[in-house]
Amino acid sequence: MSESSPSAPVGVILAVDPDRFAEVVEALWRAGLTVTGEQPILGTLSGTVMEDRIPALEAVDGVESVDRERTIQLPPPDSPIQ
């Protein structure tokens, strides 16, 4: 079963106001985000959230953007690049 349900957990990357980082991260946690990485000076963090909670993250004051994590596949080092 490869279809994801509306409430499946997804990885997200967020840009937030770096001057209010701790305050915004706490509000995001209350909105359902599980933080997996932080870069306070840059105002970015990564985490996981149930997909149907993404609008709640976007509504947090101080959040500039919420993007789903993307994975790219690189060819193995010994394969010819086309």
N, C-alpha and C. Protein backbone atom coordinates (compact mmCIF):
# COMPACT_ATOMS: atom_id res chain seq x y z
N MET A 1 0.84 -1.17 0.00
CA MET A 1 0.00 0.00 0.00
C MET A 1 0.88 1.23 0.00
N SER A 2 1.00 1.92 -1.13
CA SER A 2 1.92 3.03 -1.24
C SER A 2 1.24 4.38 -1.08
N GLU A 3 -0.06 4.43 -1.02
CA GLU A 3 -0.73 5.72 -0.82
C GLU A 3 -0.57 6.16 0.62
N SER A 4 -0.34 7.48 0.79
CA SER A 4 -0.24 7.98 2.15
C SER A 4 -1.58 8.57 2.56
N SER A 5 -1.92 8.36 3.80
CA SER A 5 -3.16 8.90 4.32
C SER A 5 -2.94 10.36 4.70
N PRO A 6 -4.01 11.13 4.84
CA PRO A 6 -3.85 12.54 5.19
C PRO A 6 -3.17 12.75 6.54
N SER A 7 -3.15 11.74 7.36
CA SER A 7 -2.54 11.91 8.67
C SER A 7 -1.20 11.17 8.80
N ALA A 8 -0.56 10.87 7.68
CA ALA A 8 0.74 10.20 7.71
C ALA A 8 1.82 11.20 8.15
N PRO A 9 2.82 10.73 8.91
CA PRO A 9 3.89 11.65 9.29
C PRO A 9 4.78 11.97 8.10
N VAL A 10 5.20 13.22 8.02
CA VAL A 10 6.08 13.67 6.93
C VAL A 10 7.22 14.49 7.53
N GLY A 11 8.33 14.50 6.81
CA GLY A 11 9.46 15.34 7.20
C GLY A 11 9.26 16.74 6.66
N VAL A 12 9.59 17.73 7.47
CA VAL A 12 9.45 19.13 7.06
C VAL A 12 10.70 19.92 7.43
N ILE A 13 10.92 20.97 6.68
CA ILE A 13 11.98 21.94 6.96
C ILE A 13 11.30 23.29 7.09
N LEU A 14 11.60 24.01 8.16
CA LEU A 14 10.95 25.28 8.43
C LEU A 14 11.96 26.41 8.51
N ALA A 15 11.55 27.57 8.01
CA ALA A 15 12.30 28.80 8.21
C ALA A 15 11.49 29.64 9.19
N VAL A 16 12.16 30.10 10.24
CA VAL A 16 11.47 30.87 11.27
C VAL A 16 12.28 32.13 11.59
N ASP A 17 11.63 33.05 12.30
CA ASP A 17 12.28 34.29 12.73
C ASP A 17 13.42 33.93 13.70
N PRO A 18 14.68 34.15 13.31
CA PRO A 18 15.79 33.76 14.17
C PRO A 18 15.84 34.55 15.48
N ASP A 19 15.28 35.74 15.51
CA ASP A 19 15.27 36.55 16.73
C ASP A 19 14.30 36.01 17.78
N ARG A 20 13.37 35.17 17.37
CA ARG A 20 12.37 34.59 18.28
C ARG A 20 12.42 33.06 18.23
N PHE A 21 13.57 32.52 17.90
CA PHE A 21 13.69 31.09 17.61
C PHE A 21 13.10 30.20 18.70
N ALA A 22 13.54 30.37 19.94
CA ALA A 22 13.08 29.50 21.03
C ALA A 22 11.56 29.58 21.21
N GLU A 23 11.02 30.79 21.16
CA GLU A 23 9.57 30.99 21.30
C GLU A 23 8.80 30.30 20.18
N VAL A 24 9.29 30.46 18.94
CA VAL A 24 8.61 29.86 17.79
C VAL A 24 8.71 28.33 17.84
N VAL A 25 9.87 27.81 18.20
CA VAL A 25 10.03 26.35 18.28
C VAL A 25 9.08 25.77 19.33
N GLU A 26 8.93 26.44 20.45
CA GLU A 26 7.99 25.95 21.48
C GLU A 26 6.57 25.93 20.94
N ALA A 27 6.17 26.99 20.21
CA ALA A 27 4.82 27.03 19.62
C ALA A 27 4.65 25.93 18.57
N LEU A 28 5.70 25.65 17.80
CA LEU A 28 5.63 24.59 16.79
C LEU A 28 5.49 23.22 17.47
N TRP A 29 6.19 23.04 18.56
CA TRP A 29 6.08 21.78 19.31
C TRP A 29 4.64 21.59 19.78
N ARG A 30 4.04 22.66 20.30
CA ARG A 30 2.65 22.57 20.75
C ARG A 30 1.70 22.31 19.58
N ALA A 31 2.08 22.72 18.38
CA ALA A 31 1.25 22.51 17.19
C ALA A 31 1.44 21.12 16.58
N GLY A 32 2.36 20.31 17.16
CA GLY A 32 2.51 18.94 16.70
C GLY A 32 3.83 18.57 16.07
N LEU A 33 4.78 19.50 16.01
CA LEU A 33 6.08 19.21 15.38
C LEU A 33 7.00 18.45 16.33
N THR A 34 7.64 17.41 15.82
CA THR A 34 8.73 16.74 16.53
C THR A 34 10.02 17.24 15.89
N VAL A 35 10.80 18.00 16.62
CA VAL A 35 12.02 18.61 16.08
C VAL A 35 13.12 17.56 16.00
N THR A 36 13.77 17.50 14.82
CA THR A 36 14.87 16.56 14.63
C THR A 36 16.20 17.26 14.39
N GLY A 37 16.17 18.56 14.11
CA GLY A 37 17.39 19.33 13.89
C GLY A 37 17.12 20.81 13.99
N GLU A 38 18.09 21.56 14.54
CA GLU A 38 17.93 23.00 14.71
C GLU A 38 19.18 23.75 14.27
N GLN A 39 18.97 24.91 13.66
CA GLN A 39 20.05 25.84 13.36
C GLN A 39 19.54 27.22 13.75
N PRO A 40 19.59 27.56 15.05
CA PRO A 40 18.99 28.80 15.54
C PRO A 40 19.55 30.06 14.88
N ILE A 41 20.84 30.10 14.62
CA ILE A 41 21.44 31.31 14.03
C ILE A 41 20.87 31.56 12.64
N LEU A 42 20.61 30.48 11.89
CA LEU A 42 20.05 30.60 10.54
C LEU A 42 18.53 30.69 10.55
N GLY A 43 17.92 30.35 11.67
CA GLY A 43 16.45 30.37 11.75
C GLY A 43 15.82 29.22 10.98
N THR A 44 16.47 28.06 10.99
CA THR A 44 15.91 26.89 10.31
C THR A 44 15.86 25.71 11.26
N LEU A 45 14.89 24.85 11.03
CA LEU A 45 14.81 23.62 11.77
C LEU A 45 14.13 22.57 10.92
N SER A 46 14.35 21.32 11.29
CA SER A 46 13.70 20.21 10.60
C SER A 46 12.98 19.37 11.63
N GLY A 47 12.02 18.60 11.13
CA GLY A 47 11.27 17.76 12.04
C GLY A 47 10.27 16.91 11.30
N THR A 48 9.44 16.24 12.08
CA THR A 48 8.35 15.46 11.50
C THR A 48 7.05 15.91 12.13
N VAL A 49 5.98 15.77 11.35
CA VAL A 49 4.66 16.18 11.79
C VAL A 49 3.63 15.36 11.02
N MET A 50 2.49 15.15 11.61
CA MET A 50 1.41 14.50 10.87
C MET A 50 1.01 15.45 9.75
N GLU A 51 0.83 14.90 8.56
CA GLU A 51 0.59 15.73 7.38
C GLU A 51 -0.59 16.69 7.55
N ASP A 52 -1.62 16.25 8.23
CA ASP A 52 -2.78 17.13 8.40
C ASP A 52 -2.54 18.25 9.40
N ARG A 53 -1.36 18.29 10.05
CA ARG A 53 -1.01 19.36 10.99
C ARG A 53 -0.16 20.45 10.35
N ILE A 54 0.22 20.28 9.07
CA ILE A 54 1.05 21.29 8.41
C ILE A 54 0.40 22.67 8.42
N PRO A 55 -0.92 22.82 8.16
CA PRO A 55 -1.52 24.15 8.25
C PRO A 55 -1.38 24.79 9.63
N ALA A 56 -1.40 23.98 10.68
CA ALA A 56 -1.22 24.51 12.04
C ALA A 56 0.20 25.06 12.22
N LEU A 57 1.19 24.40 11.60
CA LEU A 57 2.56 24.91 11.66
C LEU A 57 2.67 26.23 10.91
N GLU A 58 2.07 26.29 9.74
CA GLU A 58 2.12 27.50 8.92
C GLU A 58 1.46 28.69 9.62
N ALA A 59 0.51 28.42 10.51
CA ALA A 59 -0.23 29.48 11.20
C ALA A 59 0.52 30.03 12.42
N VAL A 60 1.61 29.39 12.83
CA VAL A 60 2.35 29.86 14.01
C VAL A 60 3.04 31.18 13.68
N ASP A 61 2.84 32.17 14.54
CA ASP A 61 3.47 33.48 14.36
C ASP A 61 4.99 33.33 14.43
N GLY A 62 5.69 33.82 13.43
CA GLY A 62 7.14 33.71 13.38
C GLY A 62 7.63 32.67 12.39
N VAL A 63 6.71 31.88 11.83
CA VAL A 63 7.08 30.90 10.81
C VAL A 63 7.05 31.58 9.45
N GLU A 64 8.16 31.50 8.73
CA GLU A 64 8.25 32.12 7.41
C GLU A 64 7.90 31.14 6.30
N SER A 65 8.25 29.87 6.48
CA SER A 65 7.90 28.86 5.47
C SER A 65 7.96 27.47 6.07
N VAL A 66 7.14 26.59 5.50
CA VAL A 66 7.14 25.16 5.86
C VAL A 66 7.22 24.40 4.54
N ASP A 67 8.28 23.63 4.38
CA ASP A 67 8.46 22.84 3.16
C ASP A 67 8.64 21.38 3.52
N ARG A 68 8.07 20.52 2.69
CA ARG A 68 8.27 19.07 2.90
C ARG A 68 9.71 18.74 2.53
N GLU A 69 10.32 17.84 3.30
CA GLU A 69 11.67 17.38 2.96
C GLU A 69 11.62 16.64 1.64
N ARG A 70 12.66 16.81 0.87
CA ARG A 70 12.76 16.11 -0.40
C ARG A 70 14.04 15.29 -0.39
N THR A 71 13.96 14.12 -0.98
CA THR A 71 15.12 13.25 -1.09
C THR A 71 15.47 13.12 -2.57
N ILE A 72 16.74 13.29 -2.86
CA ILE A 72 17.17 13.10 -4.24
C ILE A 72 18.03 11.85 -4.31
N GLN A 73 17.95 11.17 -5.42
CA GLN A 73 18.73 9.95 -5.61
C GLN A 73 19.89 10.26 -6.53
N LEU A 74 21.08 10.03 -6.04
CA LEU A 74 22.28 10.21 -6.86
C LEU A 74 22.72 8.84 -7.36
N PRO A 75 23.29 8.80 -8.58
CA PRO A 75 23.77 7.51 -9.08
C PRO A 75 24.97 7.05 -8.25
N PRO A 76 25.17 5.75 -8.12
CA PRO A 76 26.34 5.26 -7.39
C PRO A 76 27.62 5.77 -8.05
N PRO A 77 28.70 5.89 -7.27
CA PRO A 77 29.94 6.45 -7.83
C PRO A 77 30.50 5.71 -9.03
N ASP A 78 30.21 4.42 -9.15
CA ASP A 78 30.78 3.65 -10.27
C ASP A 78 29.85 3.57 -11.48
N SER A 79 28.74 4.26 -11.47
CA SER A 79 27.85 4.20 -12.63
C SER A 79 28.08 5.41 -13.53
N PRO A 80 27.90 5.22 -14.84
CA PRO A 80 28.07 6.38 -15.74
C PRO A 80 26.93 7.37 -15.55
N ILE A 81 27.27 8.64 -15.53
CA ILE A 81 26.23 9.67 -15.39
C ILE A 81 25.70 9.98 -16.78
N GLN A 82 24.40 9.99 -16.91
CA GLN A 82 23.80 10.21 -18.23
C GLN A 82 23.31 11.61 -18.36
